[in-house]
Amino acid sequence: MPRPGLLVLRGVRRTFGTAARIYLTCCALLFGWAVVTASDESMAAVVPLFATAPSSVVLLFLLPEADTTFLLSILLGALINAMIIGWCARVLRRGNNPDPAS
């Protein structure tokens, strides 16, 4: 029986796929760049929000206003978009064949 950690990694790999993991890496790099270059007059914090749109913009309006709302909307938006990218890649890859995972 495989260890639980391996099952989690296999599930993440199946859910996200390569394209979605590349997208998440780009979002993380953009967020890191925005944190490093942000100042009071900078609009750098908007770049990760646009990279994770439309999910992050919807979440920005739906989440209650707090100090971490902006960060949480970017994080959840990136994860939601990555799941959608992974699903689309899986559907396009399999074509007319049924999905063996389901």
C-alpha atoms as a PDB file:
ATOM      1  CA  MET A   1       0.000   0.000   0.000  1.00  0.00           C
ATOM      2  CA  PRO A   2       1.449   3.395  -0.983  1.00  0.00           C
ATOM      3  CA  ARG A   3       2.197   5.960   1.664  1.00  0.00           C
ATOM      4  CA  PRO A   4      -0.365   8.784   2.129  1.00  0.00           C
ATOM      5  CA  GLY A   5       2.163  11.402   1.058  1.00  0.00           C
ATOM      6  CA  LEU A   6       2.615   9.689  -2.297  1.00  0.00           C
ATOM      7  CA  LEU A   7      -1.135   9.534  -2.792  1.00  0.00           C
ATOM      8  CA  VAL A   8      -1.405  13.272  -2.163  1.00  0.00           C
ATOM      9  CA  LEU A   9       1.374  14.027  -4.648  1.00  0.00           C
ATOM     10  CA  ARG A  10      -0.235  11.753  -7.242  1.00  0.00           C
ATOM     11  CA  GLY A  11      -3.560  13.548  -6.716  1.00  0.00           C
ATOM     12  CA  VAL A  12      -1.924  16.954  -7.104  1.00  0.00           C
ATOM     13  CA  ARG A  13      -0.156  15.797 -10.261  1.00  0.00           C
ATOM     14  CA  ARG A  14      -3.416  14.428 -11.685  1.00  0.00           C
ATOM     15  CA  THR A  15      -5.473  17.485 -10.696  1.00  0.00           C
ATOM     16  CA  PHE A  16      -3.094  20.160 -11.919  1.00  0.00           C
ATOM     17  CA  GLY A  17      -0.954  18.627 -14.647  1.00  0.00           C
ATOM     18  CA  THR A  18       2.123  20.181 -16.209  1.00  0.00           C
ATOM     19  CA  ALA A  19       0.498  23.245 -17.766  1.00  0.00           C
ATOM     20  CA  ALA A  20      -1.253  24.176 -14.531  1.00  0.00           C
ATOM     21  CA  ARG A  21       1.933  23.768 -12.503  1.00  0.00           C
ATOM     22  CA  ILE A  22       3.755  26.064 -14.938  1.00  0.00           C
ATOM     23  CA  TYR A  23       0.908  28.581 -14.511  1.00  0.00           C
ATOM     24  CA  LEU A  24       1.180  28.371 -10.709  1.00  0.00           C
ATOM     25  CA  THR A  25       4.948  28.888 -10.917  1.00  0.00           C
ATOM     26  CA  CYS A  26       4.466  31.988 -13.088  1.00  0.00           C
ATOM     27  CA  CYS A  27       1.871  33.345 -10.644  1.00  0.00           C
ATOM     28  CA  ALA A  28       4.242  32.767  -7.725  1.00  0.00           C
ATOM     29  CA  LEU A  29       7.065  34.536  -9.570  1.00  0.00           C
ATOM     30  CA  LEU A  30       4.810  37.471 -10.439  1.00  0.00           C
ATOM     31  CA  PHE A  31       3.667  37.728  -6.831  1.00  0.00           C
ATOM     32  CA  GLY A  32       7.272  37.654  -5.614  1.00  0.00           C
ATOM     33  CA  TRP A  33       8.217  40.354  -8.126  1.00  0.00           C
ATOM     34  CA  ALA A  34       5.274  42.491  -6.992  1.00  0.00           C
ATOM     35  CA  VAL A  35       6.263  42.155  -3.334  1.00  0.00           C
ATOM     36  CA  VAL A  36       9.873  43.106  -4.056  1.00  0.00           C
ATOM     37  CA  THR A  37       9.087  46.091  -6.295  1.00  0.00           C
ATOM     38  CA  ALA A  38       5.962  47.386  -4.570  1.00  0.00           C
ATOM     39  CA  SER A  39       6.029  50.778  -2.943  1.00  0.00           C
ATOM     40  CA  ASP A  40       3.328  53.245  -1.953  1.00  0.00           C
ATOM     41  CA  GLU A  41       3.135  54.712  -5.458  1.00  0.00           C
ATOM     42  CA  SER A  42       3.615  51.458  -7.367  1.00  0.00           C
ATOM     43  CA  MET A  43       0.894  49.564  -9.203  1.00  0.00           C
ATOM     44  CA  ALA A  44       2.976  46.347  -9.175  1.00  0.00           C
ATOM     45  CA  ALA A  45       0.496  44.617  -6.856  1.00  0.00           C
ATOM     46  CA  VAL A  46      -2.119  44.733  -9.606  1.00  0.00           C
ATOM     47  CA  VAL A  47      -0.067  42.477 -11.931  1.00  0.00           C
ATOM     48  CA  PRO A  48      -0.633  39.243  -9.942  1.00  0.00           C
ATOM     49  CA  LEU A  49      -4.312  40.147  -9.672  1.00  0.00           C
ATOM     50  CA  PHE A  50      -4.575  40.414 -13.456  1.00  0.00           C
ATOM     51  CA  ALA A  51      -2.574  37.192 -13.918  1.00  0.00           C
ATOM     52  CA  THR A  52      -5.098  35.298 -11.793  1.00  0.00           C
ATOM     53  CA  ALA A  53      -8.202  36.996 -13.209  1.00  0.00           C
ATOM     54  CA  PRO A  54     -11.160  36.384 -13.489  1.00  0.00           C
ATOM     55  CA  SER A  55     -11.276  34.191 -10.373  1.00  0.00           C
ATOM     56  CA  SER A  56      -9.282  36.572  -8.198  1.00  0.00           C
ATOM     57  CA  VAL A  57     -11.382  39.583  -9.175  1.00  0.00           C
ATOM     58  CA  VAL A  58     -14.608  37.750  -8.322  1.00  0.00           C
ATOM     59  CA  LEU A  59     -13.136  36.599  -5.013  1.00  0.00           C
ATOM     60  CA  LEU A  60     -11.923  40.124  -4.273  1.00  0.00           C
ATOM     61  CA  PHE A  61     -15.536  41.305  -4.362  1.00  0.00           C
ATOM     62  CA  LEU A  62     -17.008  38.263  -2.570  1.00  0.00           C
ATOM     63  CA  LEU A  63     -14.580  37.897   0.341  1.00  0.00           C
ATOM     64  CA  PRO A  64     -15.172  40.061   3.412  1.00  0.00           C
ATOM     65  CA  GLU A  65     -12.909  43.070   3.663  1.00  0.00           C
ATOM     66  CA  ALA A  66      -9.843  42.348   5.770  1.00  0.00           C
ATOM     67  CA  ASP A  67      -6.089  42.859   5.708  1.00  0.00           C
ATOM     68  CA  THR A  68      -5.488  39.595   3.857  1.00  0.00           C
ATOM     69  CA  THR A  69      -8.355  39.795   1.350  1.00  0.00           C
ATOM     70  CA  PHE A  70      -6.117  40.872  -1.533  1.00  0.00           C
ATOM     71  CA  LEU A  71      -3.551  38.125  -0.849  1.00  0.00           C
ATOM     72  CA  LEU A  72      -6.227  35.472  -0.334  1.00  0.00           C
ATOM     73  CA  SER A  73      -8.032  36.401  -3.548  1.00  0.00           C
ATOM     74  CA  ILE A  74      -4.793  36.083  -5.539  1.00  0.00           C
ATOM     75  CA  LEU A  75      -3.926  32.746  -3.917  1.00  0.00           C
ATOM     76  CA  LEU A  76      -7.376  31.188  -4.332  1.00  0.00           C
ATOM     77  CA  GLY A  77      -7.755  32.678  -7.821  1.00  0.00           C
ATOM     78  CA  ALA A  78      -4.482  31.083  -8.927  1.00  0.00           C
ATOM     79  CA  LEU A  79      -5.513  27.692  -7.520  1.00  0.00           C
ATOM     80  CA  ILE A  80      -8.964  27.832  -9.142  1.00  0.00           C
ATOM     81  CA  ASN A  81      -7.498  28.846 -12.494  1.00  0.00           C
ATOM     82  CA  ALA A  82      -4.850  26.110 -12.244  1.00  0.00           C
ATOM     83  CA  MET A  83      -7.546  23.495 -11.617  1.00  0.00           C
ATOM     84  CA  ILE A  84      -9.453  24.724 -14.672  1.00  0.00           C
ATOM     85  CA  ILE A  85      -6.272  24.691 -16.791  1.00  0.00           C
ATOM     86  CA  GLY A  86      -5.500  21.149 -15.618  1.00  0.00           C
ATOM     87  CA  TRP A  87      -9.023  19.982 -16.387  1.00  0.00           C
ATOM     88  CA  CYS A  88      -8.947  21.551 -19.872  1.00  0.00           C
ATOM     89  CA  ALA A  89      -5.547  20.010 -20.621  1.00  0.00           C
ATOM     90  CA  ARG A  90      -6.754  16.585 -19.496  1.00  0.00           C
ATOM     91  CA  VAL A  91      -9.917  16.811 -21.622  1.00  0.00           C
ATOM     92  CA  LEU A  92      -8.010  17.981 -24.689  1.00  0.00           C
ATOM     93  CA  ARG A  93      -5.352  15.297 -24.238  1.00  0.00           C
ATOM     94  CA  ARG A  94      -7.764  12.391 -24.020  1.00  0.00           C
ATOM     95  CA  GLY A  95      -9.862  13.391 -27.066  1.00  0.00           C
ATOM     96  CA  ASN A  96     -12.652  10.854 -27.615  1.00  0.00           C
ATOM     97  CA  ASN A  97     -11.201   8.283 -25.196  1.00  0.00           C
ATOM     98  CA  PRO A  98     -12.828   7.964 -21.749  1.00  0.00           C
ATOM     99  CA  ASP A  99     -10.883   9.258 -18.748  1.00  0.00           C
ATOM    100  CA  PRO A 100      -9.255   6.345 -16.869  1.00  0.00           C
ATOM    101  CA  ALA A 101      -9.230   8.379 -13.629  1.00  0.00           C
ATOM    102  CA  SER A 102     -13.020   8.473 -13.405  1.00  0.00           C
END
